[in-house]
């Protein structure tokens, strides 16, 4: 229900990023 909010592949490991609200995006 919101994007981007999830787990993203980084260089070495996965990273959680939560930026689903417009100002956060």
PDBML (XML) file of the C-alpha atoms, coordinates in Angstrom:
<?xml version="1.0" encoding="UTF-8" ?>
<PDBx:datablock datablockName="MODEL"
   xmlns:PDBx="http://pdbml.pdb.org/schema/pdbx-v50.xsd"
   xmlns:xsi="http://www.w3.org/2001/XMLSchema-instance"
   xsi:schemaLocation="http://pdbml.pdb.org/schema/pdbx-v50.xsd pdbx-v50.xsd">
   <PDBx:atom_siteCategory>
      <PDBx:atom_site id="1">
         <PDBx:B_iso_or_equiv>0.00</PDBx:B_iso_or_equiv>
         <PDBx:Cartn_x>0.000</PDBx:Cartn_x>
         <PDBx:Cartn_y>0.000</PDBx:Cartn_y>
         <PDBx:Cartn_z>0.000</PDBx:Cartn_z>
         <PDBx:auth_asym_id>A</PDBx:auth_asym_id>
         <PDBx:auth_atom_id>CA</PDBx:auth_atom_id>
         <PDBx:auth_comp_id>UNK</PDBx:auth_comp_id>
         <PDBx:auth_seq_id>1</PDBx:auth_seq_id>
         <PDBx:group_PDB>ATOM</PDBx:group_PDB>
         <PDBx:label_alt_id xsi:nil="true" />
         <PDBx:label_asym_id>A</PDBx:label_asym_id>
         <PDBx:label_atom_id>CA</PDBx:label_atom_id>
         <PDBx:label_comp_id>UNK</PDBx:label_comp_id>
         <PDBx:label_entity_id>1</PDBx:label_entity_id>
         <PDBx:label_seq_id>1</PDBx:label_seq_id>
         <PDBx:occupancy>1.00</PDBx:occupancy>
         <PDBx:pdbx_PDB_model_num>1</PDBx:pdbx_PDB_model_num>
         <PDBx:type_symbol>C</PDBx:type_symbol>
      </PDBx:atom_site>
      <PDBx:atom_site id="2">
         <PDBx:B_iso_or_equiv>0.00</PDBx:B_iso_or_equiv>
         <PDBx:Cartn_x>2.973</PDBx:Cartn_x>
         <PDBx:Cartn_y>2.391</PDBx:Cartn_y>
         <PDBx:Cartn_z>-0.018</PDBx:Cartn_z>
         <PDBx:auth_asym_id>A</PDBx:auth_asym_id>
         <PDBx:auth_atom_id>CA</PDBx:auth_atom_id>
         <PDBx:auth_comp_id>UNK</PDBx:auth_comp_id>
         <PDBx:auth_seq_id>2</PDBx:auth_seq_id>
         <PDBx:group_PDB>ATOM</PDBx:group_PDB>
         <PDBx:label_alt_id xsi:nil="true" />
         <PDBx:label_asym_id>A</PDBx:label_asym_id>
         <PDBx:label_atom_id>CA</PDBx:label_atom_id>
         <PDBx:label_comp_id>UNK</PDBx:label_comp_id>
         <PDBx:label_entity_id>1</PDBx:label_entity_id>
         <PDBx:label_seq_id>2</PDBx:label_seq_id>
         <PDBx:occupancy>1.00</PDBx:occupancy>
         <PDBx:pdbx_PDB_model_num>1</PDBx:pdbx_PDB_model_num>
         <PDBx:type_symbol>C</PDBx:type_symbol>
      </PDBx:atom_site>
      <PDBx:atom_site id="3">
         <PDBx:B_iso_or_equiv>0.00</PDBx:B_iso_or_equiv>
         <PDBx:Cartn_x>6.055</PDBx:Cartn_x>
         <PDBx:Cartn_y>2.724</PDBx:Cartn_y>
         <PDBx:Cartn_z>-2.163</PDBx:Cartn_z>
         <PDBx:auth_asym_id>A</PDBx:auth_asym_id>
         <PDBx:auth_atom_id>CA</PDBx:auth_atom_id>
         <PDBx:auth_comp_id>UNK</PDBx:auth_comp_id>
         <PDBx:auth_seq_id>3</PDBx:auth_seq_id>
         <PDBx:group_PDB>ATOM</PDBx:group_PDB>
         <PDBx:label_alt_id xsi:nil="true" />
         <PDBx:label_asym_id>A</PDBx:label_asym_id>
         <PDBx:label_atom_id>CA</PDBx:label_atom_id>
         <PDBx:label_comp_id>UNK</PDBx:label_comp_id>
         <PDBx:label_entity_id>1</PDBx:label_entity_id>
         <PDBx:label_seq_id>3</PDBx:label_seq_id>
         <PDBx:occupancy>1.00</PDBx:occupancy>
         <PDBx:pdbx_PDB_model_num>1</PDBx:pdbx_PDB_model_num>
         <PDBx:type_symbol>C</PDBx:type_symbol>
      </PDBx:atom_site>
      <PDBx:atom_site id="4">
         <PDBx:B_iso_or_equiv>0.00</PDBx:B_iso_or_equiv>
         <PDBx:Cartn_x>8.909</PDBx:Cartn_x>
         <PDBx:Cartn_y>2.618</PDBx:Cartn_y>
         <PDBx:Cartn_z>-1.748</PDBx:Cartn_z>
         <PDBx:auth_asym_id>A</PDBx:auth_asym_id>
         <PDBx:auth_atom_id>CA</PDBx:auth_atom_id>
         <PDBx:auth_comp_id>UNK</PDBx:auth_comp_id>
         <PDBx:auth_seq_id>4</PDBx:auth_seq_id>
         <PDBx:group_PDB>ATOM</PDBx:group_PDB>
         <PDBx:label_alt_id xsi:nil="true" />
         <PDBx:label_asym_id>A</PDBx:label_asym_id>
         <PDBx:label_atom_id>CA</PDBx:label_atom_id>
         <PDBx:label_comp_id>UNK</PDBx:label_comp_id>
         <PDBx:label_entity_id>1</PDBx:label_entity_id>
         <PDBx:label_seq_id>4</PDBx:label_seq_id>
         <PDBx:occupancy>1.00</PDBx:occupancy>
         <PDBx:pdbx_PDB_model_num>1</PDBx:pdbx_PDB_model_num>
         <PDBx:type_symbol>C</PDBx:type_symbol>
      </PDBx:atom_site>
      <PDBx:atom_site id="5">
         <PDBx:B_iso_or_equiv>0.00</PDBx:B_iso_or_equiv>
         <PDBx:Cartn_x>8.621</PDBx:Cartn_x>
         <PDBx:Cartn_y>0.653</PDBx:Cartn_y>
         <PDBx:Cartn_z>1.487</PDBx:Cartn_z>
         <PDBx:auth_asym_id>A</PDBx:auth_asym_id>
         <PDBx:auth_atom_id>CA</PDBx:auth_atom_id>
         <PDBx:auth_comp_id>UNK</PDBx:auth_comp_id>
         <PDBx:auth_seq_id>5</PDBx:auth_seq_id>
         <PDBx:group_PDB>ATOM</PDBx:group_PDB>
         <PDBx:label_alt_id xsi:nil="true" />
         <PDBx:label_asym_id>A</PDBx:label_asym_id>
         <PDBx:label_atom_id>CA</PDBx:label_atom_id>
         <PDBx:label_comp_id>UNK</PDBx:label_comp_id>
         <PDBx:label_entity_id>1</PDBx:label_entity_id>
         <PDBx:label_seq_id>5</PDBx:label_seq_id>
         <PDBx:occupancy>1.00</PDBx:occupancy>
         <PDBx:pdbx_PDB_model_num>1</PDBx:pdbx_PDB_model_num>
         <PDBx:type_symbol>C</PDBx:type_symbol>
      </PDBx:atom_site>
      <PDBx:atom_site id="6">
         <PDBx:B_iso_or_equiv>0.00</PDBx:B_iso_or_equiv>
         <PDBx:Cartn_x>10.529</PDBx:Cartn_x>
         <PDBx:Cartn_y>-2.571</PDBx:Cartn_y>
         <PDBx:Cartn_z>1.592</PDBx:Cartn_z>
         <PDBx:auth_asym_id>A</PDBx:auth_asym_id>
         <PDBx:auth_atom_id>CA</PDBx:auth_atom_id>
         <PDBx:auth_comp_id>UNK</PDBx:auth_comp_id>
         <PDBx:auth_seq_id>6</PDBx:auth_seq_id>
         <PDBx:group_PDB>ATOM</PDBx:group_PDB>
         <PDBx:label_alt_id xsi:nil="true" />
         <PDBx:label_asym_id>A</PDBx:label_asym_id>
         <PDBx:label_atom_id>CA</PDBx:label_atom_id>
         <PDBx:label_comp_id>UNK</PDBx:label_comp_id>
         <PDBx:label_entity_id>1</PDBx:label_entity_id>
         <PDBx:label_seq_id>6</PDBx:label_seq_id>
         <PDBx:occupancy>1.00</PDBx:occupancy>
         <PDBx:pdbx_PDB_model_num>1</PDBx:pdbx_PDB_model_num>
         <PDBx:type_symbol>C</PDBx:type_symbol>
      </PDBx:atom_site>
      <PDBx:atom_site id="7">
         <PDBx:B_iso_or_equiv>0.00</PDBx:B_iso_or_equiv>
         <PDBx:Cartn_x>13.784</PDBx:Cartn_x>
         <PDBx:Cartn_y>-4.433</PDBx:Cartn_y>
         <PDBx:Cartn_z>1.319</PDBx:Cartn_z>
         <PDBx:auth_asym_id>A</PDBx:auth_asym_id>
         <PDBx:auth_atom_id>CA</PDBx:auth_atom_id>
         <PDBx:auth_comp_id>UNK</PDBx:auth_comp_id>
         <PDBx:auth_seq_id>7</PDBx:auth_seq_id>
         <PDBx:group_PDB>ATOM</PDBx:group_PDB>
         <PDBx:label_alt_id xsi:nil="true" />
         <PDBx:label_asym_id>A</PDBx:label_asym_id>
         <PDBx:label_atom_id>CA</PDBx:label_atom_id>
         <PDBx:label_comp_id>UNK</PDBx:label_comp_id>
         <PDBx:label_entity_id>1</PDBx:label_entity_id>
         <PDBx:label_seq_id>7</PDBx:label_seq_id>
         <PDBx:occupancy>1.00</PDBx:occupancy>
         <PDBx:pdbx_PDB_model_num>1</PDBx:pdbx_PDB_model_num>
         <PDBx:type_symbol>C</PDBx:type_symbol>
      </PDBx:atom_site>
      <PDBx:atom_site id="8">
         <PDBx:B_iso_or_equiv>0.00</PDBx:B_iso_or_equiv>
         <PDBx:Cartn_x>16.245</PDBx:Cartn_x>
         <PDBx:Cartn_y>-3.419</PDBx:Cartn_y>
         <PDBx:Cartn_z>-1.393</PDBx:Cartn_z>
         <PDBx:auth_asym_id>A</PDBx:auth_asym_id>
         <PDBx:auth_atom_id>CA</PDBx:auth_atom_id>
         <PDBx:auth_comp_id>UNK</PDBx:auth_comp_id>
         <PDBx:auth_seq_id>8</PDBx:auth_seq_id>
         <PDBx:group_PDB>ATOM</PDBx:group_PDB>
         <PDBx:label_alt_id xsi:nil="true" />
         <PDBx:label_asym_id>A</PDBx:label_asym_id>
         <PDBx:label_atom_id>CA</PDBx:label_atom_id>
         <PDBx:label_comp_id>UNK</PDBx:label_comp_id>
         <PDBx:label_entity_id>1</PDBx:label_entity_id>
         <PDBx:label_seq_id>8</PDBx:label_seq_id>
         <PDBx:occupancy>1.00</PDBx:occupancy>
         <PDBx:pdbx_PDB_model_num>1</PDBx:pdbx_PDB_model_num>
         <PDBx:type_symbol>C</PDBx:type_symbol>
      </PDBx:atom_site>
      <PDBx:atom_site id="9">
         <PDBx:B_iso_or_equiv>0.00</PDBx:B_iso_or_equiv>
         <PDBx:Cartn_x>19.433</PDBx:Cartn_x>
         <PDBx:Cartn_y>-5.165</PDBx:Cartn_y>
         <PDBx:Cartn_z>-2.512</PDBx:Cartn_z>
         <PDBx:auth_asym_id>A</PDBx:auth_asym_id>
         <PDBx:auth_atom_id>CA</PDBx:auth_atom_id>
         <PDBx:auth_comp_id>UNK</PDBx:auth_comp_id>
         <PDBx:auth_seq_id>9</PDBx:auth_seq_id>
         <PDBx:group_PDB>ATOM</PDBx:group_PDB>
         <PDBx:label_alt_id xsi:nil="true" />
         <PDBx:label_asym_id>A</PDBx:label_asym_id>
         <PDBx:label_atom_id>CA</PDBx:label_atom_id>
         <PDBx:label_comp_id>UNK</PDBx:label_comp_id>
         <PDBx:label_entity_id>1</PDBx:label_entity_id>
         <PDBx:label_seq_id>9</PDBx:label_seq_id>
         <PDBx:occupancy>1.00</PDBx:occupancy>
         <PDBx:pdbx_PDB_model_num>1</PDBx:pdbx_PDB_model_num>
         <PDBx:type_symbol>C</PDBx:type_symbol>
      </PDBx:atom_site>
      <PDBx:atom_site id="10">
         <PDBx:B_iso_or_equiv>0.00</PDBx:B_iso_or_equiv>
         <PDBx:Cartn_x>22.477</PDBx:Cartn_x>
         <PDBx:Cartn_y>-3.138</PDBx:Cartn_y>
         <PDBx:Cartn_z>-1.550</PDBx:Cartn_z>
         <PDBx:auth_asym_id>A</PDBx:auth_asym_id>
         <PDBx:auth_atom_id>CA</PDBx:auth_atom_id>
         <PDBx:auth_comp_id>UNK</PDBx:auth_comp_id>
         <PDBx:auth_seq_id>10</PDBx:auth_seq_id>
         <PDBx:group_PDB>ATOM</PDBx:group_PDB>
         <PDBx:label_alt_id xsi:nil="true" />
         <PDBx:label_asym_id>A</PDBx:label_asym_id>
         <PDBx:label_atom_id>CA</PDBx:label_atom_id>
         <PDBx:label_comp_id>UNK</PDBx:label_comp_id>
         <PDBx:label_entity_id>1</PDBx:label_entity_id>
         <PDBx:label_seq_id>10</PDBx:label_seq_id>
         <PDBx:occupancy>1.00</PDBx:occupancy>
         <PDBx:pdbx_PDB_model_num>1</PDBx:pdbx_PDB_model_num>
         <PDBx:type_symbol>C</PDBx:type_symbol>
      </PDBx:atom_site>
      <PDBx:atom_site id="11">
         <PDBx:B_iso_or_equiv>0.00</PDBx:B_iso_or_equiv>
         <PDBx:Cartn_x>26.130</PDBx:Cartn_x>
         <PDBx:Cartn_y>-3.712</PDBx:Cartn_y>
         <PDBx:Cartn_z>-2.435</PDBx:Cartn_z>
         <PDBx:auth_asym_id>A</PDBx:auth_asym_id>
         <PDBx:auth_atom_id>CA</PDBx:auth_atom_id>
         <PDBx:auth_comp_id>UNK</PDBx:auth_comp_id>
         <PDBx:auth_seq_id>11</PDBx:auth_seq_id>
         <PDBx:group_PDB>ATOM</PDBx:group_PDB>
         <PDBx:label_alt_id xsi:nil="true" />
         <PDBx:label_asym_id>A</PDBx:label_asym_id>
         <PDBx:label_atom_id>CA</PDBx:label_atom_id>
         <PDBx:label_comp_id>UNK</PDBx:label_comp_id>
         <PDBx:label_entity_id>1</PDBx:label_entity_id>
         <PDBx:label_seq_id>11</PDBx:label_seq_id>
         <PDBx:occupancy>1.00</PDBx:occupancy>
         <PDBx:pdbx_PDB_model_num>1</PDBx:pdbx_PDB_model_num>
         <PDBx:type_symbol>C</PDBx:type_symbol>
      </PDBx:atom_site>
      <PDBx:atom_site id="12">
         <PDBx:B_iso_or_equiv>0.00</PDBx:B_iso_or_equiv>
         <PDBx:Cartn_x>26.783</PDBx:Cartn_x>
         <PDBx:Cartn_y>-6.135</PDBx:Cartn_y>
         <PDBx:Cartn_z>0.413</PDBx:Cartn_z>
         <PDBx:auth_asym_id>A</PDBx:auth_asym_id>
         <PDBx:auth_atom_id>CA</PDBx:auth_atom_id>
         <PDBx:auth_comp_id>UNK</PDBx:auth_comp_id>
         <PDBx:auth_seq_id>12</PDBx:auth_seq_id>
         <PDBx:group_PDB>ATOM</PDBx:group_PDB>
         <PDBx:label_alt_id xsi:nil="true" />
         <PDBx:label_asym_id>A</PDBx:label_asym_id>
         <PDBx:label_atom_id>CA</PDBx:label_atom_id>
         <PDBx:label_comp_id>UNK</PDBx:label_comp_id>
         <PDBx:label_entity_id>1</PDBx:label_entity_id>
         <PDBx:label_seq_id>12</PDBx:label_seq_id>
         <PDBx:occupancy>1.00</PDBx:occupancy>
         <PDBx:pdbx_PDB_model_num>1</PDBx:pdbx_PDB_model_num>
         <PDBx:type_symbol>C</PDBx:type_symbol>
      </PDBx:atom_site>
      <PDBx:atom_site id="13">
         <PDBx:B_iso_or_equiv>0.00</PDBx:B_iso_or_equiv>
         <PDBx:Cartn_x>23.390</PDBx:Cartn_x>
         <PDBx:Cartn_y>-6.924</PDBx:Cartn_y>
         <PDBx:Cartn_z>1.942</PDBx:Cartn_z>
         <PDBx:auth_asym_id>A</PDBx:auth_asym_id>
         <PDBx:auth_atom_id>CA</PDBx:auth_atom_id>
         <PDBx:auth_comp_id>UNK</PDBx:auth_comp_id>
         <PDBx:auth_seq_id>13</PDBx:auth_seq_id>
         <PDBx:group_PDB>ATOM</PDBx:group_PDB>
         <PDBx:label_alt_id xsi:nil="true" />
         <PDBx:label_asym_id>A</PDBx:label_asym_id>
         <PDBx:label_atom_id>CA</PDBx:label_atom_id>
         <PDBx:label_comp_id>UNK</PDBx:label_comp_id>
         <PDBx:label_entity_id>1</PDBx:label_entity_id>
         <PDBx:label_seq_id>13</PDBx:label_seq_id>
         <PDBx:occupancy>1.00</PDBx:occupancy>
         <PDBx:pdbx_PDB_model_num>1</PDBx:pdbx_PDB_model_num>
         <PDBx:type_symbol>C</PDBx:type_symbol>
      </PDBx:atom_site>
      <PDBx:atom_site id="14">
         <PDBx:B_iso_or_equiv>0.00</PDBx:B_iso_or_equiv>
         <PDBx:Cartn_x>19.738</PDBx:Cartn_x>
         <PDBx:Cartn_y>-6.021</PDBx:Cartn_y>
         <PDBx:Cartn_z>1.912</PDBx:Cartn_z>
         <PDBx:auth_asym_id>A</PDBx:auth_asym_id>
         <PDBx:auth_atom_id>CA</PDBx:auth_atom_id>
         <PDBx:auth_comp_id>UNK</PDBx:auth_comp_id>
         <PDBx:auth_seq_id>14</PDBx:auth_seq_id>
         <PDBx:group_PDB>ATOM</PDBx:group_PDB>
         <PDBx:label_alt_id xsi:nil="true" />
         <PDBx:label_asym_id>A</PDBx:label_asym_id>
         <PDBx:label_atom_id>CA</PDBx:label_atom_id>
         <PDBx:label_comp_id>UNK</PDBx:label_comp_id>
         <PDBx:label_entity_id>1</PDBx:label_entity_id>
         <PDBx:label_seq_id>14</PDBx:label_seq_id>
         <PDBx:occupancy>1.00</PDBx:occupancy>
         <PDBx:pdbx_PDB_model_num>1</PDBx:pdbx_PDB_model_num>
         <PDBx:type_symbol>C</PDBx:type_symbol>
      </PDBx:atom_site>
      <PDBx:atom_site id="15">
         <PDBx:B_iso_or_equiv>0.00</PDBx:B_iso_or_equiv>
         <PDBx:Cartn_x>18.591</PDBx:Cartn_x>
         <PDBx:Cartn_y>-2.645</PDBx:Cartn_y>
         <PDBx:Cartn_z>3.244</PDBx:Cartn_z>
         <PDBx:auth_asym_id>A</PDBx:auth_asym_id>
         <PDBx:auth_atom_id>CA</PDBx:auth_atom_id>
         <PDBx:auth_comp_id>UNK</PDBx:auth_comp_id>
         <PDBx:auth_seq_id>15</PDBx:auth_seq_id>
         <PDBx:group_PDB>ATOM</PDBx:group_PDB>
         <PDBx:label_alt_id xsi:nil="true" />
         <PDBx:label_asym_id>A</PDBx:label_asym_id>
         <PDBx:label_atom_id>CA</PDBx:label_atom_id>
         <PDBx:label_comp_id>UNK</PDBx:label_comp_id>
         <PDBx:label_entity_id>1</PDBx:label_entity_id>
         <PDBx:label_seq_id>15</PDBx:label_seq_id>
         <PDBx:occupancy>1.00</PDBx:occupancy>
         <PDBx:pdbx_PDB_model_num>1</PDBx:pdbx_PDB_model_num>
         <PDBx:type_symbol>C</PDBx:type_symbol>
      </PDBx:atom_site>
      <PDBx:atom_site id="16">
         <PDBx:B_iso_or_equiv>0.00</PDBx:B_iso_or_equiv>
         <PDBx:Cartn_x>15.142</PDBx:Cartn_x>
         <PDBx:Cartn_y>-1.646</PDBx:Cartn_y>
         <PDBx:Cartn_z>4.491</PDBx:Cartn_z>
         <PDBx:auth_asym_id>A</PDBx:auth_asym_id>
         <PDBx:auth_atom_id>CA</PDBx:auth_atom_id>
         <PDBx:auth_comp_id>UNK</PDBx:auth_comp_id>
         <PDBx:auth_seq_id>16</PDBx:auth_seq_id>
         <PDBx:group_PDB>ATOM</PDBx:group_PDB>
         <PDBx:label_alt_id xsi:nil="true" />
         <PDBx:label_asym_id>A</PDBx:label_asym_id>
         <PDBx:label_atom_id>CA</PDBx:label_atom_id>
         <PDBx:label_comp_id>UNK</PDBx:label_comp_id>
         <PDBx:label_entity_id>1</PDBx:label_entity_id>
         <PDBx:label_seq_id>16</PDBx:label_seq_id>
         <PDBx:occupancy>1.00</PDBx:occupancy>
         <PDBx:pdbx_PDB_model_num>1</PDBx:pdbx_PDB_model_num>
         <PDBx:type_symbol>C</PDBx:type_symbol>
      </PDBx:atom_site>
      <PDBx:atom_site id="17">
         <PDBx:B_iso_or_equiv>0.00</PDBx:B_iso_or_equiv>
         <PDBx:Cartn_x>14.028</PDBx:Cartn_x>
         <PDBx:Cartn_y>1.716</PDBx:Cartn_y>
         <PDBx:Cartn_z>3.096</PDBx:Cartn_z>
         <PDBx:auth_asym_id>A</PDBx:auth_asym_id>
         <PDBx:auth_atom_id>CA</PDBx:auth_atom_id>
         <PDBx:auth_comp_id>UNK</PDBx:auth_comp_id>
         <PDBx:auth_seq_id>17</PDBx:auth_seq_id>
         <PDBx:group_PDB>ATOM</PDBx:group_PDB>
         <PDBx:label_alt_id xsi:nil="true" />
         <PDBx:label_asym_id>A</PDBx:label_asym_id>
         <PDBx:label_atom_id>CA</PDBx:label_atom_id>
         <PDBx:label_comp_id>UNK</PDBx:label_comp_id>
         <PDBx:label_entity_id>1</PDBx:label_entity_id>
         <PDBx:label_seq_id>17</PDBx:label_seq_id>
         <PDBx:occupancy>1.00</PDBx:occupancy>
         <PDBx:pdbx_PDB_model_num>1</PDBx:pdbx_PDB_model_num>
         <PDBx:type_symbol>C</PDBx:type_symbol>
      </PDBx:atom_site>
      <PDBx:atom_site id="18">
         <PDBx:B_iso_or_equiv>0.00</PDBx:B_iso_or_equiv>
         <PDBx:Cartn_x>10.746</PDBx:Cartn_x>
         <PDBx:Cartn_y>3.324</PDBx:Cartn_y>
         <PDBx:Cartn_z>4.104</PDBx:Cartn_z>
         <PDBx:auth_asym_id>A</PDBx:auth_asym_id>
         <PDBx:auth_atom_id>CA</PDBx:auth_atom_id>
         <PDBx:auth_comp_id>UNK</PDBx:auth_comp_id>
         <PDBx:auth_seq_id>18</PDBx:auth_seq_id>
         <PDBx:group_PDB>ATOM</PDBx:group_PDB>
         <PDBx:label_alt_id xsi:nil="true" />
         <PDBx:label_asym_id>A</PDBx:label_asym_id>
         <PDBx:label_atom_id>CA</PDBx:label_atom_id>
         <PDBx:label_comp_id>UNK</PDBx:label_comp_id>
         <PDBx:label_entity_id>1</PDBx:label_entity_id>
         <PDBx:label_seq_id>18</PDBx:label_seq_id>
         <PDBx:occupancy>1.00</PDBx:occupancy>
         <PDBx:pdbx_PDB_model_num>1</PDBx:pdbx_PDB_model_num>
         <PDBx:type_symbol>C</PDBx:type_symbol>
      </PDBx:atom_site>
      <PDBx:atom_site id="19">
         <PDBx:B_iso_or_equiv>0.00</PDBx:B_iso_or_equiv>
         <PDBx:Cartn_x>9.858</PDBx:Cartn_x>
         <PDBx:Cartn_y>6.331</PDBx:Cartn_y>
         <PDBx:Cartn_z>1.955</PDBx:Cartn_z>
         <PDBx:auth_asym_id>A</PDBx:auth_asym_id>
         <PDBx:auth_atom_id>CA</PDBx:auth_atom_id>
         <PDBx:auth_comp_id>UNK</PDBx:auth_comp_id>
         <PDBx:auth_seq_id>19</PDBx:auth_seq_id>
         <PDBx:group_PDB>ATOM</PDBx:group_PDB>
         <PDBx:label_alt_id xsi:nil="true" />
         <PDBx:label_asym_id>A</PDBx:label_asym_id>
         <PDBx:label_atom_id>CA</PDBx:label_atom_id>
         <PDBx:label_comp_id>UNK</PDBx:label_comp_id>
         <PDBx:label_entity_id>1</PDBx:label_entity_id>
         <PDBx:label_seq_id>19</PDBx:label_seq_id>
         <PDBx:occupancy>1.00</PDBx:occupancy>
         <PDBx:pdbx_PDB_model_num>1</PDBx:pdbx_PDB_model_num>
         <PDBx:type_symbol>C</PDBx:type_symbol>
      </PDBx:atom_site>
      <PDBx:atom_site id="20">
         <PDBx:B_iso_or_equiv>0.00</PDBx:B_iso_or_equiv>
         <PDBx:Cartn_x>6.225</PDBx:Cartn_x>
         <PDBx:Cartn_y>5.792</PDBx:Cartn_y>
         <PDBx:Cartn_z>0.948</PDBx:Cartn_z>
         <PDBx:auth_asym_id>A</PDBx:auth_asym_id>
         <PDBx:auth_atom_id>CA</PDBx:auth_atom_id>
         <PDBx:auth_comp_id>UNK</PDBx:auth_comp_id>
         <PDBx:auth_seq_id>20</PDBx:auth_seq_id>
         <PDBx:group_PDB>ATOM</PDBx:group_PDB>
         <PDBx:label_alt_id xsi:nil="true" />
         <PDBx:label_asym_id>A</PDBx:label_asym_id>
         <PDBx:label_atom_id>CA</PDBx:label_atom_id>
         <PDBx:label_comp_id>UNK</PDBx:label_comp_id>
         <PDBx:label_entity_id>1</PDBx:label_entity_id>
         <PDBx:label_seq_id>20</PDBx:label_seq_id>
         <PDBx:occupancy>1.00</PDBx:occupancy>
         <PDBx:pdbx_PDB_model_num>1</PDBx:pdbx_PDB_model_num>
         <PDBx:type_symbol>C</PDBx:type_symbol>
      </PDBx:atom_site>
      <PDBx:atom_site id="21">
         <PDBx:B_iso_or_equiv>0.00</PDBx:B_iso_or_equiv>
         <PDBx:Cartn_x>4.978</PDBx:Cartn_x>
         <PDBx:Cartn_y>9.231</PDBx:Cartn_y>
         <PDBx:Cartn_z>1.987</PDBx:Cartn_z>
         <PDBx:auth_asym_id>A</PDBx:auth_asym_id>
         <PDBx:auth_atom_id>CA</PDBx:auth_atom_id>
         <PDBx:auth_comp_id>UNK</PDBx:auth_comp_id>
         <PDBx:auth_seq_id>21</PDBx:auth_seq_id>
         <PDBx:group_PDB>ATOM</PDBx:group_PDB>
         <PDBx:label_alt_id xsi:nil="true" />
         <PDBx:label_asym_id>A</PDBx:label_asym_id>
         <PDBx:label_atom_id>CA</PDBx:label_atom_id>
         <PDBx:label_comp_id>UNK</PDBx:label_comp_id>
         <PDBx:label_entity_id>1</PDBx:label_entity_id>
         <PDBx:label_seq_id>21</PDBx:label_seq_id>
         <PDBx:occupancy>1.00</PDBx:occupancy>
         <PDBx:pdbx_PDB_model_num>1</PDBx:pdbx_PDB_model_num>
         <PDBx:type_symbol>C</PDBx:type_symbol>
      </PDBx:atom_site>
      <PDBx:atom_site id="22">
         <PDBx:B_iso_or_equiv>0.00</PDBx:B_iso_or_equiv>
         <PDBx:Cartn_x>5.393</PDBx:Cartn_x>
         <PDBx:Cartn_y>11.877</PDBx:Cartn_y>
         <PDBx:Cartn_z>-0.722</PDBx:Cartn_z>
         <PDBx:auth_asym_id>A</PDBx:auth_asym_id>
         <PDBx:auth_atom_id>CA</PDBx:auth_atom_id>
         <PDBx:auth_comp_id>UNK</PDBx:auth_comp_id>
         <PDBx:auth_seq_id>22</PDBx:auth_seq_id>
         <PDBx:group_PDB>ATOM</PDBx:group_PDB>
         <PDBx:label_alt_id xsi:nil="true" />
         <PDBx:label_asym_id>A</PDBx:label_asym_id>
         <PDBx:label_atom_id>CA</PDBx:label_atom_id>
         <PDBx:label_comp_id>UNK</PDBx:label_comp_id>
         <PDBx:label_entity_id>1</PDBx:label_entity_id>
         <PDBx:label_seq_id>22</PDBx:label_seq_id>
         <PDBx:occupancy>1.00</PDBx:occupancy>
         <PDBx:pdbx_PDB_model_num>1</PDBx:pdbx_PDB_model_num>
         <PDBx:type_symbol>C</PDBx:type_symbol>
      </PDBx:atom_site>
      <PDBx:atom_site id="23">
         <PDBx:B_iso_or_equiv>0.00</PDBx:B_iso_or_equiv>
         <PDBx:Cartn_x>7.780</PDBx:Cartn_x>
         <PDBx:Cartn_y>14.105</PDBx:Cartn_y>
         <PDBx:Cartn_z>1.244</PDBx:Cartn_z>
         <PDBx:auth_asym_id>A</PDBx:auth_asym_id>
         <PDBx:auth_atom_id>CA</PDBx:auth_atom_id>
         <PDBx:auth_comp_id>UNK</PDBx:auth_comp_id>
         <PDBx:auth_seq_id>23</PDBx:auth_seq_id>
         <PDBx:group_PDB>ATOM</PDBx:group_PDB>
         <PDBx:label_alt_id xsi:nil="true" />
         <PDBx:label_asym_id>A</PDBx:label_asym_id>
         <PDBx:label_atom_id>CA</PDBx:label_atom_id>
         <PDBx:label_comp_id>UNK</PDBx:label_comp_id>
         <PDBx:label_entity_id>1</PDBx:label_entity_id>
         <PDBx:label_seq_id>23</PDBx:label_seq_id>
         <PDBx:occupancy>1.00</PDBx:occupancy>
         <PDBx:pdbx_PDB_model_num>1</PDBx:pdbx_PDB_model_num>
         <PDBx:type_symbol>C</PDBx:type_symbol>
      </PDBx:atom_site>
      <PDBx:atom_site id="24">
         <PDBx:B_iso_or_equiv>0.00</PDBx:B_iso_or_equiv>
         <PDBx:Cartn_x>9.895</PDBx:Cartn_x>
         <PDBx:Cartn_y>11.079</PDBx:Cartn_y>
         <PDBx:Cartn_z>2.199</PDBx:Cartn_z>
         <PDBx:auth_asym_id>A</PDBx:auth_asym_id>
         <PDBx:auth_atom_id>CA</PDBx:auth_atom_id>
         <PDBx:auth_comp_id>UNK</PDBx:auth_comp_id>
         <PDBx:auth_seq_id>24</PDBx:auth_seq_id>
         <PDBx:group_PDB>ATOM</PDBx:group_PDB>
         <PDBx:label_alt_id xsi:nil="true" />
         <PDBx:label_asym_id>A</PDBx:label_asym_id>
         <PDBx:label_atom_id>CA</PDBx:label_atom_id>
         <PDBx:label_comp_id>UNK</PDBx:label_comp_id>
         <PDBx:label_entity_id>1</PDBx:label_entity_id>
         <PDBx:label_seq_id>24</PDBx:label_seq_id>
         <PDBx:occupancy>1.00</PDBx:occupancy>
         <PDBx:pdbx_PDB_model_num>1</PDBx:pdbx_PDB_model_num>
         <PDBx:type_symbol>C</PDBx:type_symbol>
      </PDBx:atom_site>
      <PDBx:atom_site id="25">
         <PDBx:B_iso_or_equiv>0.00</PDBx:B_iso_or_equiv>
         <PDBx:Cartn_x>10.036</PDBx:Cartn_x>
         <PDBx:Cartn_y>10.005</PDBx:Cartn_y>
         <PDBx:Cartn_z>-1.419</PDBx:Cartn_z>
         <PDBx:auth_asym_id>A</PDBx:auth_asym_id>
         <PDBx:auth_atom_id>CA</PDBx:auth_atom_id>
         <PDBx:auth_comp_id>UNK</PDBx:auth_comp_id>
         <PDBx:auth_seq_id>25</PDBx:auth_seq_id>
         <PDBx:group_PDB>ATOM</PDBx:group_PDB>
         <PDBx:label_alt_id xsi:nil="true" />
         <PDBx:label_asym_id>A</PDBx:label_asym_id>
         <PDBx:label_atom_id>CA</PDBx:label_atom_id>
         <PDBx:label_comp_id>UNK</PDBx:label_comp_id>
         <PDBx:label_entity_id>1</PDBx:label_entity_id>
         <PDBx:label_seq_id>25</PDBx:label_seq_id>
         <PDBx:occupancy>1.00</PDBx:occupancy>
         <PDBx:pdbx_PDB_model_num>1</PDBx:pdbx_PDB_model_num>
         <PDBx:type_symbol>C</PDBx:type_symbol>
      </PDBx:atom_site>
   </PDBx:atom_siteCategory>
</PDBx:datablock>
